[in-house]
């Protein structure tokens, strides 16, 4: 008789946390360099064998190009570090979510459109379990986070992209995608989780969005249960999401 599989104590996980931000960061960092290479190639071709510019003009243009290239490389390094920081935040949240009970399924990097060149943003983390369906967006901000007048502020300032608007829009989008799945689903619970920085309240809610730090994330998900999901509905939603995540699973 074959041995019985070990009893599962933690959530089943699928997807690659942090892969999306790193891929986007690499693409957005490198494309200006490709453009500079094309321009450099054009200038070299224009200078040989029949010059289109005088040597003085060609040298001046190449000098400008070299300066622009140096600037873009410095800018690109800072830009990529921003995306890498976001990826590390997603990896930390993924580690925390893996400790949910076995009745939960966790999906990372599920996209409304897979790939960095297609429209739409991917979902950082989706959790489905007895307490409901959660869309968790990770923020790896270093600073003081406060909630004022229904907005999340970073060091007292409103960020360029309002966090609550973004996660609310993503939650509604996910609800539309699940509309054709035969599940009685009241709503997707949008969650913003801060893995760094100082969130004064630890956990709060505003405009239908749950806001918490990483230490309170598991309790936030396990304690929701306003509209419990039946086991069959959890599996139906999980099967739908598994087709979208499709990167790797813990089995």
C-alpha atoms as a PDB file:
ATOM      1  CA  UNK A   1       0.000   0.000   0.000  1.00  0.00           C
ATOM      2  CA  UNK A   2       1.485   3.401  -0.978  1.00  0.00           C
ATOM      3  CA  UNK A   3       2.169   5.790   1.891  1.00  0.00           C
ATOM      4  CA  UNK A   4      -0.423   8.447   2.592  1.00  0.00           C
ATOM      5  CA  UNK A   5       0.549  12.004   1.637  1.00  0.00           C
ATOM      6  CA  UNK A   6       1.457  14.210   4.581  1.00  0.00           C
ATOM      7  CA  UNK A   7      -1.344  16.238   6.092  1.00  0.00           C
ATOM      8  CA  UNK A   8      -1.341  19.749   4.639  1.00  0.00           C
ATOM      9  CA  UNK A   9      -1.193  22.453   7.291  1.00  0.00           C
ATOM     10  CA  UNK A  10      -0.741  25.536   5.156  1.00  0.00           C
ATOM     11  CA  UNK A  11      -2.419  27.162   2.171  1.00  0.00           C
ATOM     12  CA  UNK A  12      -1.845  25.913  -1.362  1.00  0.00           C
ATOM     13  CA  UNK A  13       0.144  28.480  -3.319  1.00  0.00           C
ATOM     14  CA  UNK A  14       0.479  29.156  -7.036  1.00  0.00           C
ATOM     15  CA  UNK A  15       2.272  31.855  -9.000  1.00  0.00           C
ATOM     16  CA  UNK A  16       5.513  33.807  -8.726  1.00  0.00           C
ATOM     17  CA  UNK A  17       5.499  36.782  -6.352  1.00  0.00           C
ATOM     18  CA  UNK A  18       7.622  39.723  -7.446  1.00  0.00           C
ATOM     19  CA  UNK A  19       8.115  38.484 -11.015  1.00  0.00           C
ATOM     20  CA  UNK A  20       5.856  41.154 -12.500  1.00  0.00           C
ATOM     21  CA  UNK A  21       7.566  44.199 -10.954  1.00  0.00           C
ATOM     22  CA  UNK A  22      11.030  42.908 -11.842  1.00  0.00           C
ATOM     23  CA  UNK A  23      10.052  42.257 -15.468  1.00  0.00           C
ATOM     24  CA  UNK A  24       8.382  45.652 -15.794  1.00  0.00           C
ATOM     25  CA  UNK A  25      11.333  47.367 -14.152  1.00  0.00           C
ATOM     26  CA  UNK A  26      13.786  45.686 -16.500  1.00  0.00           C
ATOM     27  CA  UNK A  27      11.751  46.592 -19.575  1.00  0.00           C
ATOM     28  CA  UNK A  28      11.226  50.225 -18.575  1.00  0.00           C
ATOM     29  CA  UNK A  29      14.895  50.560 -17.675  1.00  0.00           C
ATOM     30  CA  UNK A  30      16.308  49.071 -20.859  1.00  0.00           C
ATOM     31  CA  UNK A  31      14.142  50.542 -23.604  1.00  0.00           C
ATOM     32  CA  UNK A  32      15.821  54.006 -23.502  1.00  0.00           C
ATOM     33  CA  UNK A  33      19.200  52.288 -23.824  1.00  0.00           C
ATOM     34  CA  UNK A  34      17.992  50.483 -26.961  1.00  0.00           C
ATOM     35  CA  UNK A  35      16.883  53.837 -28.356  1.00  0.00           C
ATOM     36  CA  UNK A  36      20.303  55.361 -27.709  1.00  0.00           C
ATOM     37  CA  UNK A  37      21.959  52.408 -29.433  1.00  0.00           C
ATOM     38  CA  UNK A  38      19.803  52.973 -32.523  1.00  0.00           C
ATOM     39  CA  UNK A  39      20.716  56.665 -32.578  1.00  0.00           C
ATOM     40  CA  UNK A  40      24.407  55.838 -32.135  1.00  0.00           C
ATOM     41  CA  UNK A  41      24.202  53.399 -35.015  1.00  0.00           C
ATOM     42  CA  UNK A  42      22.604  56.037 -37.198  1.00  0.00           C
ATOM     43  CA  UNK A  43      25.344  58.564 -36.370  1.00  0.00           C
ATOM     44  CA  UNK A  44      28.084  56.057 -37.151  1.00  0.00           C
ATOM     45  CA  UNK A  45      26.404  55.190 -40.421  1.00  0.00           C
ATOM     46  CA  UNK A  46      26.025  58.895 -41.236  1.00  0.00           C
ATOM     47  CA  UNK A  47      29.751  59.419 -40.703  1.00  0.00           C
ATOM     48  CA  UNK A  48      30.915  56.548 -42.925  1.00  0.00           C
ATOM     49  CA  UNK A  49      31.671  55.989 -45.751  1.00  0.00           C
ATOM     50  CA  UNK A  50      30.094  59.199 -47.073  1.00  0.00           C
ATOM     51  CA  UNK A  51      29.676  61.605 -44.165  1.00  0.00           C
ATOM     52  CA  UNK A  52      26.339  63.377 -43.853  1.00  0.00           C
ATOM     53  CA  UNK A  53      27.765  65.664 -41.161  1.00  0.00           C
ATOM     54  CA  UNK A  54      31.031  67.455 -40.735  1.00  0.00           C
ATOM     55  CA  UNK A  55      33.452  65.833 -38.251  1.00  0.00           C
ATOM     56  CA  UNK A  56      32.799  68.660 -35.805  1.00  0.00           C
ATOM     57  CA  UNK A  57      29.026  68.192 -35.869  1.00  0.00           C
ATOM     58  CA  UNK A  58      29.306  64.401 -35.702  1.00  0.00           C
ATOM     59  CA  UNK A  59      31.653  64.634 -32.716  1.00  0.00           C
ATOM     60  CA  UNK A  60      29.340  67.106 -30.986  1.00  0.00           C
ATOM     61  CA  UNK A  61      26.312  64.850 -31.522  1.00  0.00           C
ATOM     62  CA  UNK A  62      28.185  61.811 -30.220  1.00  0.00           C
ATOM     63  CA  UNK A  63      29.252  63.796 -27.168  1.00  0.00           C
ATOM     64  CA  UNK A  64      25.646  64.751 -26.469  1.00  0.00           C
ATOM     65  CA  UNK A  65      24.633  61.130 -27.004  1.00  0.00           C
ATOM     66  CA  UNK A  66      27.260  59.903 -24.533  1.00  0.00           C
ATOM     67  CA  UNK A  67      26.077  62.390 -21.918  1.00  0.00           C
ATOM     68  CA  UNK A  68      22.477  61.386 -22.453  1.00  0.00           C
ATOM     69  CA  UNK A  69      23.422  57.716 -22.199  1.00  0.00           C
ATOM     70  CA  UNK A  70      25.190  58.309 -18.880  1.00  0.00           C
ATOM     71  CA  UNK A  71      22.157  60.133 -17.525  1.00  0.00           C
ATOM     72  CA  UNK A  72      19.779  57.374 -18.654  1.00  0.00           C
ATOM     73  CA  UNK A  73      21.929  54.697 -17.014  1.00  0.00           C
ATOM     74  CA  UNK A  74      21.874  56.533 -13.673  1.00  0.00           C
ATOM     75  CA  UNK A  75      18.138  57.151 -14.029  1.00  0.00           C
ATOM     76  CA  UNK A  76      17.577  53.522 -15.013  1.00  0.00           C
ATOM     77  CA  UNK A  77      19.398  52.218 -11.956  1.00  0.00           C
ATOM     78  CA  UNK A  78      17.183  54.297  -9.663  1.00  0.00           C
ATOM     79  CA  UNK A  79      14.078  53.288 -11.618  1.00  0.00           C
ATOM     80  CA  UNK A  80      14.887  49.598 -11.440  1.00  0.00           C
ATOM     81  CA  UNK A  81      15.628  49.812  -7.694  1.00  0.00           C
ATOM     82  CA  UNK A  82      12.067  51.136  -7.254  1.00  0.00           C
ATOM     83  CA  UNK A  83      10.594  48.090  -8.982  1.00  0.00           C
ATOM     84  CA  UNK A  84      12.975  45.736  -7.159  1.00  0.00           C
ATOM     85  CA  UNK A  85      11.806  47.164  -3.842  1.00  0.00           C
ATOM     86  CA  UNK A  86       8.214  46.479  -4.836  1.00  0.00           C
ATOM     87  CA  UNK A  87       9.142  42.922  -5.805  1.00  0.00           C
ATOM     88  CA  UNK A  88      10.768  42.320  -2.409  1.00  0.00           C
ATOM     89  CA  UNK A  89       7.583  43.562  -0.757  1.00  0.00           C
ATOM     90  CA  UNK A  90       5.483  41.102  -2.771  1.00  0.00           C
ATOM     91  CA  UNK A  91       7.823  38.261  -1.823  1.00  0.00           C
ATOM     92  CA  UNK A  92       7.478  39.102   1.866  1.00  0.00           C
ATOM     93  CA  UNK A  93       3.673  39.207   1.662  1.00  0.00           C
ATOM     94  CA  UNK A  94       3.734  35.904  -0.235  1.00  0.00           C
ATOM     95  CA  UNK A  95       5.780  34.353   2.563  1.00  0.00           C
ATOM     96  CA  UNK A  96       3.239  35.545   5.137  1.00  0.00           C
ATOM     97  CA  UNK A  97       0.234  34.348   3.131  1.00  0.00           C
ATOM     98  CA  UNK A  98       1.747  30.869   2.822  1.00  0.00           C
ATOM     99  CA  UNK A  99       1.018  30.391   6.535  1.00  0.00           C
ATOM    100  CA  UNK A 100      -2.742  30.606   6.041  1.00  0.00           C
ATOM    101  CA  UNK A 101      -4.593  27.381   6.890  1.00  0.00           C
ATOM    102  CA  UNK A 102      -4.966  24.609   4.336  1.00  0.00           C
ATOM    103  CA  UNK A 103      -8.534  25.684   3.573  1.00  0.00           C
ATOM    104  CA  UNK A 104      -7.164  28.710   1.689  1.00  0.00           C
ATOM    105  CA  UNK A 105      -5.735  29.033  -1.807  1.00  0.00           C
ATOM    106  CA  UNK A 106      -3.218  31.771  -2.614  1.00  0.00           C
ATOM    107  CA  UNK A 107      -2.328  33.055  -6.092  1.00  0.00           C
ATOM    108  CA  UNK A 108       0.483  35.462  -6.960  1.00  0.00           C
ATOM    109  CA  UNK A 109       0.954  37.594 -10.054  1.00  0.00           C
ATOM    110  CA  UNK A 110      -2.398  36.778 -11.652  1.00  0.00           C
ATOM    111  CA  UNK A 111      -2.891  39.210 -14.504  1.00  0.00           C
ATOM    112  CA  UNK A 112      -5.944  40.551 -16.314  1.00  0.00           C
ATOM    113  CA  UNK A 113      -3.475  40.346 -19.166  1.00  0.00           C
ATOM    114  CA  UNK A 114      -0.320  38.275 -18.820  1.00  0.00           C
ATOM    115  CA  UNK A 115       2.872  39.957 -19.890  1.00  0.00           C
ATOM    116  CA  UNK A 116       4.320  43.430 -19.592  1.00  0.00           C
ATOM    117  CA  UNK A 117       3.355  44.525 -23.094  1.00  0.00           C
ATOM    118  CA  UNK A 118      -0.385  43.903 -22.724  1.00  0.00           C
ATOM    119  CA  UNK A 119      -2.981  46.214 -21.271  1.00  0.00           C
ATOM    120  CA  UNK A 120      -3.997  45.993 -17.659  1.00  0.00           C
ATOM    121  CA  UNK A 121      -2.199  45.523 -14.352  1.00  0.00           C
ATOM    122  CA  UNK A 122      -1.574  42.211 -12.689  1.00  0.00           C
ATOM    123  CA  UNK A 123      -2.970  41.400  -9.258  1.00  0.00           C
ATOM    124  CA  UNK A 124      -0.265  41.154  -6.604  1.00  0.00           C
ATOM    125  CA  UNK A 125      -2.002  38.453  -4.548  1.00  0.00           C
ATOM    126  CA  UNK A 126      -5.428  36.821  -4.567  1.00  0.00           C
ATOM    127  CA  UNK A 127      -6.605  34.764  -1.581  1.00  0.00           C
ATOM    128  CA  UNK A 128      -9.720  32.615  -1.640  1.00  0.00           C
ATOM    129  CA  UNK A 129     -10.950  30.711   1.405  1.00  0.00           C
ATOM    130  CA  UNK A 130     -13.805  30.219   3.846  1.00  0.00           C
ATOM    131  CA  UNK A 131     -13.785  33.896   4.866  1.00  0.00           C
ATOM    132  CA  UNK A 132     -14.123  35.204   1.315  1.00  0.00           C
ATOM    133  CA  UNK A 133     -12.158  36.343  -1.696  1.00  0.00           C
ATOM    134  CA  UNK A 134      -9.395  38.914  -1.123  1.00  0.00           C
ATOM    135  CA  UNK A 135      -7.354  40.993  -3.504  1.00  0.00           C
ATOM    136  CA  UNK A 136      -4.172  42.010  -1.674  1.00  0.00           C
ATOM    137  CA  UNK A 137      -2.029  44.813  -3.046  1.00  0.00           C
ATOM    138  CA  UNK A 138       1.441  45.197  -1.558  1.00  0.00           C
ATOM    139  CA  UNK A 139       3.029  48.555  -0.755  1.00  0.00           C
ATOM    140  CA  UNK A 140       6.684  48.640   0.293  1.00  0.00           C
ATOM    141  CA  UNK A 141       6.819  52.288   1.335  1.00  0.00           C
ATOM    142  CA  UNK A 142       9.429  53.530   3.789  1.00  0.00           C
ATOM    143  CA  UNK A 143       7.921  56.314   5.840  1.00  0.00           C
ATOM    144  CA  UNK A 144       4.877  57.294   7.862  1.00  0.00           C
ATOM    145  CA  UNK A 145       1.562  56.135   6.430  1.00  0.00           C
ATOM    146  CA  UNK A 146      -1.638  57.833   7.541  1.00  0.00           C
ATOM    147  CA  UNK A 147      -5.260  57.800   6.430  1.00  0.00           C
ATOM    148  CA  UNK A 148      -6.951  61.157   6.117  1.00  0.00           C
ATOM    149  CA  UNK A 149     -10.250  62.072   4.451  1.00  0.00           C
ATOM    150  CA  UNK A 150     -10.487  58.645   2.819  1.00  0.00           C
ATOM    151  CA  UNK A 151      -6.990  58.807   1.311  1.00  0.00           C
ATOM    152  CA  UNK A 152      -3.722  57.051   2.111  1.00  0.00           C
ATOM    153  CA  UNK A 153      -0.943  59.583   2.640  1.00  0.00           C
ATOM    154  CA  UNK A 154       2.784  58.911   2.534  1.00  0.00           C
ATOM    155  CA  UNK A 155       4.761  61.196   4.838  1.00  0.00           C
ATOM    156  CA  UNK A 156       1.779  63.543   4.775  1.00  0.00           C
ATOM    157  CA  UNK A 157       1.649  63.675   0.976  1.00  0.00           C
ATOM    158  CA  UNK A 158      -0.775  62.113  -1.465  1.00  0.00           C
ATOM    159  CA  UNK A 159       1.125  59.685  -3.734  1.00  0.00           C
ATOM    160  CA  UNK A 160       1.152  60.108  -7.499  1.00  0.00           C
ATOM    161  CA  UNK A 161      -1.116  57.083  -7.895  1.00  0.00           C
ATOM    162  CA  UNK A 162      -3.822  57.000  -5.191  1.00  0.00           C
ATOM    163  CA  UNK A 163      -3.524  53.571  -3.568  1.00  0.00           C
ATOM    164  CA  UNK A 164      -7.198  53.224  -2.657  1.00  0.00           C
ATOM    165  CA  UNK A 165      -8.408  54.120  -6.137  1.00  0.00           C
ATOM    166  CA  UNK A 166      -6.025  51.598  -7.693  1.00  0.00           C
ATOM    167  CA  UNK A 167      -6.960  48.630  -5.513  1.00  0.00           C
ATOM    168  CA  UNK A 168     -10.693  49.427  -5.699  1.00  0.00           C
ATOM    169  CA  UNK A 169     -10.533  49.516  -9.487  1.00  0.00           C
ATOM    170  CA  UNK A 170      -8.647  46.215  -9.548  1.00  0.00           C
ATOM    171  CA  UNK A 171     -11.185  44.592  -7.210  1.00  0.00           C
ATOM    172  CA  UNK A 172     -14.089  45.640  -9.428  1.00  0.00           C
ATOM    173  CA  UNK A 173     -12.202  44.364 -12.460  1.00  0.00           C
ATOM    174  CA  UNK A 174     -11.684  40.988 -10.800  1.00  0.00           C
ATOM    175  CA  UNK A 175     -15.383  40.830  -9.929  1.00  0.00           C
ATOM    176  CA  UNK A 176     -16.233  41.353 -13.605  1.00  0.00           C
ATOM    177  CA  UNK A 177     -13.828  38.605 -14.632  1.00  0.00           C
ATOM    178  CA  UNK A 178     -15.484  36.224 -12.171  1.00  0.00           C
ATOM    179  CA  UNK A 179     -19.001  37.146 -13.275  1.00  0.00           C
ATOM    180  CA  UNK A 180     -19.188  34.156 -15.621  1.00  0.00           C
ATOM    181  CA  UNK A 181     -18.044  31.684 -12.968  1.00  0.00           C
ATOM    182  CA  UNK A 182     -20.950  29.850 -11.343  1.00  0.00           C
ATOM    183  CA  UNK A 183     -20.350  31.184  -7.854  1.00  0.00           C
ATOM    184  CA  UNK A 184     -22.536  33.266  -5.580  1.00  0.00           C
ATOM    185  CA  UNK A 185     -19.946  35.938  -4.832  1.00  0.00           C
ATOM    186  CA  UNK A 186     -20.998  39.030  -2.972  1.00  0.00           C
ATOM    187  CA  UNK A 187     -17.761  40.940  -3.433  1.00  0.00           C
ATOM    188  CA  UNK A 188     -14.007  40.892  -3.697  1.00  0.00           C
ATOM    189  CA  UNK A 189     -12.451  42.355  -0.550  1.00  0.00           C
ATOM    190  CA  UNK A 190      -9.690  44.806  -1.547  1.00  0.00           C
ATOM    191  CA  UNK A 191      -6.739  44.912   0.877  1.00  0.00           C
ATOM    192  CA  UNK A 192      -3.688  47.172   0.928  1.00  0.00           C
ATOM    193  CA  UNK A 193      -0.843  45.653   2.937  1.00  0.00           C
ATOM    194  CA  UNK A 194       2.154  47.745   3.977  1.00  0.00           C
ATOM    195  CA  UNK A 195       5.250  45.646   4.542  1.00  0.00           C
ATOM    196  CA  UNK A 196       7.417  48.554   5.650  1.00  0.00           C
ATOM    197  CA  UNK A 197       6.938  52.037   6.966  1.00  0.00           C
ATOM    198  CA  UNK A 198       4.836  53.011   9.949  1.00  0.00           C
ATOM    199  CA  UNK A 199       1.074  52.582   9.721  1.00  0.00           C
ATOM    200  CA  UNK A 200      -0.226  54.422  12.777  1.00  0.00           C
ATOM    201  CA  UNK A 201      -3.430  52.428  13.137  1.00  0.00           C
ATOM    202  CA  UNK A 202      -2.001  48.988  12.303  1.00  0.00           C
ATOM    203  CA  UNK A 203      -5.298  48.175  10.613  1.00  0.00           C
ATOM    204  CA  UNK A 204      -8.094  50.382   9.299  1.00  0.00           C
ATOM    205  CA  UNK A 205     -10.779  50.566   6.664  1.00  0.00           C
ATOM    206  CA  UNK A 206     -11.888  53.353   4.369  1.00  0.00           C
ATOM    207  CA  UNK A 207     -14.054  53.533   1.245  1.00  0.00           C
ATOM    208  CA  UNK A 208     -14.544  49.762   1.295  1.00  0.00           C
ATOM    209  CA  UNK A 209     -10.801  49.018   1.364  1.00  0.00           C
ATOM    210  CA  UNK A 210      -9.054  47.195   4.206  1.00  0.00           C
ATOM    211  CA  UNK A 211      -5.671  48.685   5.121  1.00  0.00           C
ATOM    212  CA  UNK A 212      -3.212  46.832   7.342  1.00  0.00           C
ATOM    213  CA  UNK A 213       0.442  46.210   8.013  1.00  0.00           C
ATOM    214  CA  UNK A 214       2.056  42.842   7.346  1.00  0.00           C
ATOM    215  CA  UNK A 215       1.845  41.787  11.000  1.00  0.00           C
ATOM    216  CA  UNK A 216      -1.955  41.948  10.892  1.00  0.00           C
ATOM    217  CA  UNK A 217      -2.491  40.534   7.408  1.00  0.00           C
ATOM    218  CA  UNK A 218      -3.287  36.953   8.390  1.00  0.00           C
ATOM    219  CA  UNK A 219      -5.699  38.013  11.137  1.00  0.00           C
ATOM    220  CA  UNK A 220      -7.351  40.404   8.694  1.00  0.00           C
ATOM    221  CA  UNK A 221      -8.054  37.620   6.208  1.00  0.00           C
ATOM    222  CA  UNK A 222      -9.009  34.919   8.704  1.00  0.00           C
ATOM    223  CA  UNK A 223     -11.248  37.260  10.679  1.00  0.00           C
ATOM    224  CA  UNK A 224     -13.353  38.696   7.851  1.00  0.00           C
ATOM    225  CA  UNK A 225     -16.080  36.050   7.291  1.00  0.00           C
ATOM    226  CA  UNK A 226     -18.901  38.495   6.563  1.00  0.00           C
ATOM    227  CA  UNK A 227     -20.039  36.281   3.691  1.00  0.00           C
ATOM    228  CA  UNK A 228     -18.441  32.826   4.076  1.00  0.00           C
ATOM    229  CA  UNK A 229     -17.668  30.870   0.911  1.00  0.00           C
ATOM    230  CA  UNK A 230     -18.703  27.249   0.534  1.00  0.00           C
ATOM    231  CA  UNK A 231     -16.002  24.685  -0.254  1.00  0.00           C
ATOM    232  CA  UNK A 232     -17.363  24.068  -3.762  1.00  0.00           C
ATOM    233  CA  UNK A 233     -17.289  27.805  -4.524  1.00  0.00           C
ATOM    234  CA  UNK A 234     -13.703  28.055  -3.261  1.00  0.00           C
ATOM    235  CA  UNK A 235     -12.634  25.267  -5.601  1.00  0.00           C
ATOM    236  CA  UNK A 236     -14.499  26.799  -8.565  1.00  0.00           C
ATOM    237  CA  UNK A 237     -12.826  30.163  -8.081  1.00  0.00           C
ATOM    238  CA  UNK A 238      -9.451  28.507  -7.432  1.00  0.00           C
ATOM    239  CA  UNK A 239      -9.691  26.523 -10.672  1.00  0.00           C
ATOM    240  CA  UNK A 240     -10.412  29.720 -12.596  1.00  0.00           C
ATOM    241  CA  UNK A 241      -7.479  31.542 -10.997  1.00  0.00           C
ATOM    242  CA  UNK A 242      -5.120  28.581 -11.424  1.00  0.00           C
ATOM    243  CA  UNK A 243      -5.473  28.870 -15.191  1.00  0.00           C
ATOM    244  CA  UNK A 244      -4.486  32.530 -14.994  1.00  0.00           C
ATOM    245  CA  UNK A 245      -1.554  32.130 -12.590  1.00  0.00           C
ATOM    246  CA  UNK A 246      -0.110  28.973 -14.106  1.00  0.00           C
ATOM    247  CA  UNK A 247       3.530  29.519 -13.145  1.00  0.00           C
ATOM    248  CA  UNK A 248       4.314  27.163 -10.325  1.00  0.00           C
ATOM    249  CA  UNK A 249       2.493  25.496  -7.486  1.00  0.00           C
ATOM    250  CA  UNK A 250       3.565  23.940  -4.256  1.00  0.00           C
ATOM    251  CA  UNK A 251       1.513  20.918  -5.229  1.00  0.00           C
END
